[in-house]
Amino acid sequence: MSLVTSGTYQRFYEVDGVRYHHIINSELLALWQKYQSVSILCPDSGSI
C-alpha cells in the first residue's frame, strides 16, 4: 500500500491576491476550497 499526500501549501500560484491550487472538486470541476490537503491510499502510487 502507498499513501500520497498533496496540499495547497505546496503547489499554488497567486494572481491579484487570489490563491489558485491543484485540488479540484471532481463533481463541480472547480477549485476545492474546503480542504488544505488531500491524501490517497492506493496499492501503487505510481499508477495514480
PDB file of N, CA and C in Angstrom:
ATOM      1  N   MET A   1       0.839  -1.185   0.000  1.00  0.00           N
ATOM      2  CA  MET A   1       0.000   0.000   0.000  1.00  0.00           C
ATOM      3  C   MET A   1       0.880   1.243   0.000  1.00  0.00           C
ATOM      4  N   SER A   2       0.341   2.308  -0.553  1.00  0.00           N
ATOM      5  CA  SER A   2       1.059   3.571  -0.650  1.00  0.00           C
ATOM      6  C   SER A   2       0.129   4.705  -0.229  1.00  0.00           C
ATOM      7  N   LEU A   3       0.677   5.648   0.548  1.00  0.00           N
ATOM      8  CA  LEU A   3      -0.085   6.817   0.977  1.00  0.00           C
ATOM      9  C   LEU A   3       0.558   8.044   0.343  1.00  0.00           C
ATOM     10  N   VAL A   4      -0.239   8.813  -0.394  1.00  0.00           N
ATOM     11  CA  VAL A   4       0.247  10.005  -1.087  1.00  0.00           C
ATOM     12  C   VAL A   4      -0.547  11.208  -0.584  1.00  0.00           C
ATOM     13  N   THR A   5       0.166  12.277  -0.212  1.00  0.00           N
ATOM     14  CA  THR A   5      -0.489  13.496   0.259  1.00  0.00           C
ATOM     15  C   THR A   5       0.017  14.690  -0.529  1.00  0.00           C
ATOM     16  N   SER A   6      -0.887  15.564  -0.898  1.00  0.00           N
ATOM     17  CA  SER A   6      -0.519  16.796  -1.582  1.00  0.00           C
ATOM     18  C   SER A   6      -1.399  17.909  -1.038  1.00  0.00           C
ATOM     19  N   GLY A   7      -0.847  19.119  -0.980  1.00  0.00           N
ATOM     20  CA  GLY A   7      -1.620  20.196  -0.381  1.00  0.00           C
ATOM     21  C   GLY A   7      -1.471  21.532  -1.075  1.00  0.00           C
ATOM     22  N   THR A   8      -2.344  22.446  -0.691  1.00  0.00           N
ATOM     23  CA  THR A   8      -2.353  23.785  -1.289  1.00  0.00           C
ATOM     24  C   THR A   8      -1.162  24.614  -0.832  1.00  0.00           C
ATOM     25  N   TYR A   9      -0.532  24.225   0.249  1.00  0.00           N
ATOM     26  CA  TYR A   9       0.642  24.913   0.783  1.00  0.00           C
ATOM     27  C   TYR A   9       1.878  24.659  -0.074  1.00  0.00           C
ATOM     28  N   GLN A  10       1.815  23.663  -0.937  1.00  0.00           N
ATOM     29  CA  GLN A  10       2.983  23.236  -1.697  1.00  0.00           C
ATOM     30  C   GLN A  10       2.904  23.649  -3.168  1.00  0.00           C
ATOM     31  N   ARG A  11       1.761  23.485  -3.759  1.00  0.00           N
ATOM     32  CA  ARG A  11       1.592  23.764  -5.187  1.00  0.00           C
ATOM     33  C   ARG A  11       0.473  24.774  -5.381  1.00  0.00           C
ATOM     34  N   PHE A  12       0.846  25.986  -5.655  1.00  0.00           N
ATOM     35  CA  PHE A  12      -0.147  27.035  -5.861  1.00  0.00           C
ATOM     36  C   PHE A  12       0.504  28.191  -6.615  1.00  0.00           C
ATOM     37  N   TYR A  13      -0.334  29.070  -7.107  1.00  0.00           N
ATOM     38  CA  TYR A  13       0.138  30.351  -7.632  1.00  0.00           C
ATOM     39  C   TYR A  13      -0.881  31.406  -7.237  1.00  0.00           C
ATOM     40  N   GLU A  14      -0.471  32.635  -7.242  1.00  0.00           N
ATOM     41  CA  GLU A  14      -1.323  33.714  -6.780  1.00  0.00           C
ATOM     42  C   GLU A  14      -1.419  34.794  -7.859  1.00  0.00           C
ATOM     43  N   VAL A  15      -2.648  35.244  -8.130  1.00  0.00           N
ATOM     44  CA  VAL A  15      -2.898  36.294  -9.109  1.00  0.00           C
ATOM     45  C   VAL A  15      -3.848  37.304  -8.468  1.00  0.00           C
ATOM     46  N   ASP A  16      -3.432  38.539  -8.403  1.00  0.00           N
ATOM     47  CA  ASP A  16      -4.248  39.609  -7.816  1.00  0.00           C
ATOM     48  C   ASP A  16      -4.777  39.244  -6.426  1.00  0.00           C
ATOM     49  N   GLY A  17      -3.940  38.614  -5.622  1.00  0.00           N
ATOM     50  CA  GLY A  17      -4.308  38.273  -4.256  1.00  0.00           C
ATOM     51  C   GLY A  17      -5.154  37.027  -4.094  1.00  0.00           C
ATOM     52  N   VAL A  18      -5.481  36.336  -5.194  1.00  0.00           N
ATOM     53  CA  VAL A  18      -6.269  35.106  -5.134  1.00  0.00           C
ATOM     54  C   VAL A  18      -5.330  33.920  -5.337  1.00  0.00           C
ATOM     55  N   ARG A  19      -5.374  32.974  -4.402  1.00  0.00           N
ATOM     56  CA  ARG A  19      -4.512  31.796  -4.485  1.00  0.00           C
ATOM     57  C   ARG A  19      -5.216  30.682  -5.249  1.00  0.00           C
ATOM     58  N   TYR A  20      -4.552  30.159  -6.259  1.00  0.00           N
ATOM     59  CA  TYR A  20      -5.064  29.049  -7.069  1.00  0.00           C
ATOM     60  C   TYR A  20      -4.193  27.830  -6.800  1.00  0.00           C
ATOM     61  N   HIS A  21      -4.824  26.667  -6.707  1.00  0.00           N
ATOM     62  CA  HIS A  21      -4.089  25.440  -6.405  1.00  0.00           C
ATOM     63  C   HIS A  21      -4.626  24.302  -7.258  1.00  0.00           C
ATOM     64  N   HIS A  22      -4.163  23.098  -6.988  1.00  0.00           N
ATOM     65  CA  HIS A  22      -4.443  21.956  -7.856  1.00  0.00           C
ATOM     66  C   HIS A  22      -5.444  20.958  -7.272  1.00  0.00           C
ATOM     67  N   ILE A  23      -6.051  21.251  -6.132  1.00  0.00           N
ATOM     68  CA  ILE A  23      -7.047  20.328  -5.573  1.00  0.00           C
ATOM     69  C   ILE A  23      -8.411  20.697  -6.161  1.00  0.00           C
ATOM     70  N   ILE A  24      -8.976  19.763  -6.929  1.00  0.00           N
ATOM     71  CA  ILE A  24     -10.185  20.018  -7.714  1.00  0.00           C
ATOM     72  C   ILE A  24     -11.340  19.164  -7.196  1.00  0.00           C
ATOM     73  N   ASN A  25     -12.509  19.764  -7.073  1.00  0.00           N
ATOM     74  CA  ASN A  25     -13.735  19.038  -6.771  1.00  0.00           C
ATOM     75  C   ASN A  25     -14.198  18.398  -8.079  1.00  0.00           C
ATOM     76  N   SER A  26     -14.173  17.082  -8.139  1.00  0.00           N
ATOM     77  CA  SER A  26     -14.479  16.384  -9.399  1.00  0.00           C
ATOM     78  C   SER A  26     -15.934  16.520  -9.821  1.00  0.00           C
ATOM     79  N   GLU A  27     -16.833  16.806  -8.885  1.00  0.00           N
ATOM     80  CA  GLU A  27     -18.237  16.983  -9.247  1.00  0.00           C
ATOM     81  C   GLU A  27     -18.490  18.369  -9.832  1.00  0.00           C
ATOM     82  N   LEU A  28     -17.814  19.382  -9.300  1.00  0.00           N
ATOM     83  CA  LEU A  28     -18.010  20.754  -9.768  1.00  0.00           C
ATOM     84  C   LEU A  28     -16.984  21.187 -10.807  1.00  0.00           C
ATOM     85  N   LEU A  29     -15.905  20.416 -10.934  1.00  0.00           N
ATOM     86  CA  LEU A  29     -14.783  20.772 -11.807  1.00  0.00           C
ATOM     87  C   LEU A  29     -14.274  22.180 -11.492  1.00  0.00           C
ATOM     88  N   ALA A  30     -14.116  22.436 -10.192  1.00  0.00           N
ATOM     89  CA  ALA A  30     -13.666  23.741  -9.708  1.00  0.00           C
ATOM     90  C   ALA A  30     -12.707  23.530  -8.542  1.00  0.00           C
ATOM     91  N   LEU A  31     -11.983  24.590  -8.185  1.00  0.00           N
ATOM     92  CA  LEU A  31     -11.096  24.510  -7.034  1.00  0.00           C
ATOM     93  C   LEU A  31     -11.889  24.116  -5.805  1.00  0.00           C
ATOM     94  N   TRP A  32     -11.320  23.244  -4.990  1.00  0.00           N
ATOM     95  CA  TRP A  32     -11.986  22.792  -3.777  1.00  0.00           C
ATOM     96  C   TRP A  32     -11.383  23.543  -2.608  1.00  0.00           C
ATOM     97  N   GLN A  33     -12.064  24.583  -2.165  1.00  0.00           N
ATOM     98  CA  GLN A  33     -11.564  25.441  -1.097  1.00  0.00           C
ATOM     99  C   GLN A  33     -11.768  24.833   0.286  1.00  0.00           C
ATOM    100  N   LYS A  34     -12.502  23.754   0.376  1.00  0.00           N
ATOM    101  CA  LYS A  34     -12.836  23.147   1.664  1.00  0.00           C
ATOM    102  C   LYS A  34     -11.631  22.479   2.330  1.00  0.00           C
ATOM    103  N   TYR A  35     -10.675  21.991   1.548  1.00  0.00           N
ATOM    104  CA  TYR A  35      -9.543  21.231   2.079  1.00  0.00           C
ATOM    105  C   TYR A  35      -8.218  21.913   1.776  1.00  0.00           C
ATOM    106  N   GLN A  36      -7.283  21.796   2.716  1.00  0.00           N
ATOM    107  CA  GLN A  36      -5.926  22.308   2.534  1.00  0.00           C
ATOM    108  C   GLN A  36      -4.996  21.242   1.971  1.00  0.00           C
ATOM    109  N   SER A  37      -5.360  19.968   2.172  1.00  0.00           N
ATOM    110  CA  SER A  37      -4.568  18.869   1.624  1.00  0.00           C
ATOM    111  C   SER A  37      -5.476  17.669   1.398  1.00  0.00           C
ATOM    112  N   VAL A  38      -4.988  16.739   0.579  1.00  0.00           N
ATOM    113  CA  VAL A  38      -5.727  15.523   0.267  1.00  0.00           C
ATOM    114  C   VAL A  38      -4.745  14.366   0.331  1.00  0.00           C
ATOM    115  N   SER A  39      -5.178  13.255   0.936  1.00  0.00           N
ATOM    116  CA  SER A  39      -4.364  12.039   0.986  1.00  0.00           C
ATOM    117  C   SER A  39      -5.105  10.924   0.284  1.00  0.00           C
ATOM    118  N   ILE A  40      -4.360  10.112  -0.441  1.00  0.00           N
ATOM    119  CA  ILE A  40      -4.941   8.990  -1.179  1.00  0.00           C
ATOM    120  C   ILE A  40      -4.190   7.730  -0.780  1.00  0.00           C
ATOM    121  N   LEU A  41      -4.921   6.694  -0.407  1.00  0.00           N
ATOM    122  CA  LEU A  41      -4.350   5.384  -0.087  1.00  0.00           C
ATOM    123  C   LEU A  41      -4.653   4.474  -1.250  1.00  0.00           C
ATOM    124  N   CYS A  42      -3.620   3.895  -1.845  1.00  0.00           N
ATOM    125  CA  CYS A  42      -3.822   3.054  -3.013  1.00  0.00           C
ATOM    126  C   CYS A  42      -2.743   1.963  -3.054  1.00  0.00           C
ATOM    127  N   PRO A  43      -2.956   0.937  -3.839  1.00  0.00           N
ATOM    128  CA  PRO A  43      -1.989  -0.158  -3.899  1.00  0.00           C
ATOM    129  C   PRO A  43      -0.632   0.266  -4.459  1.00  0.00           C
ATOM    130  N   ASP A  44      -0.642   1.194  -5.436  1.00  0.00           N
ATOM    131  CA  ASP A  44       0.608   1.587  -6.094  1.00  0.00           C
ATOM    132  C   ASP A  44       0.536   3.066  -6.460  1.00  0.00           C
ATOM    133  N   SER A  45       1.313   3.906  -5.805  1.00  0.00           N
ATOM    134  CA  SER A  45       1.232   5.337  -6.062  1.00  0.00           C
ATOM    135  C   SER A  45       1.767   5.722  -7.441  1.00  0.00           C
ATOM    136  N   GLY A  46       2.462   4.841  -8.086  1.00  0.00           N
ATOM    137  CA  GLY A  46       2.947   5.113  -9.437  1.00  0.00           C
ATOM    138  C   GLY A  46       1.850   5.027 -10.476  1.00  0.00           C
ATOM    139  N   SER A  47       0.700   4.475 -10.104  1.00  0.00           N
ATOM    140  CA  SER A  47      -0.380   4.265 -11.076  1.00  0.00           C
ATOM    141  C   SER A  47      -1.473   5.333 -10.977  1.00  0.00           C
ATOM    142  N   ILE A  48      -1.328   6.307 -10.049  1.00  0.00           N
ATOM    143  CA  ILE A  48      -2.386   7.329  -9.945  1.00  0.00           C
ATOM    144  C   ILE A  48      -1.985   8.594 -10.636  1.00  0.00           C
TER     145      ILE A  48
END
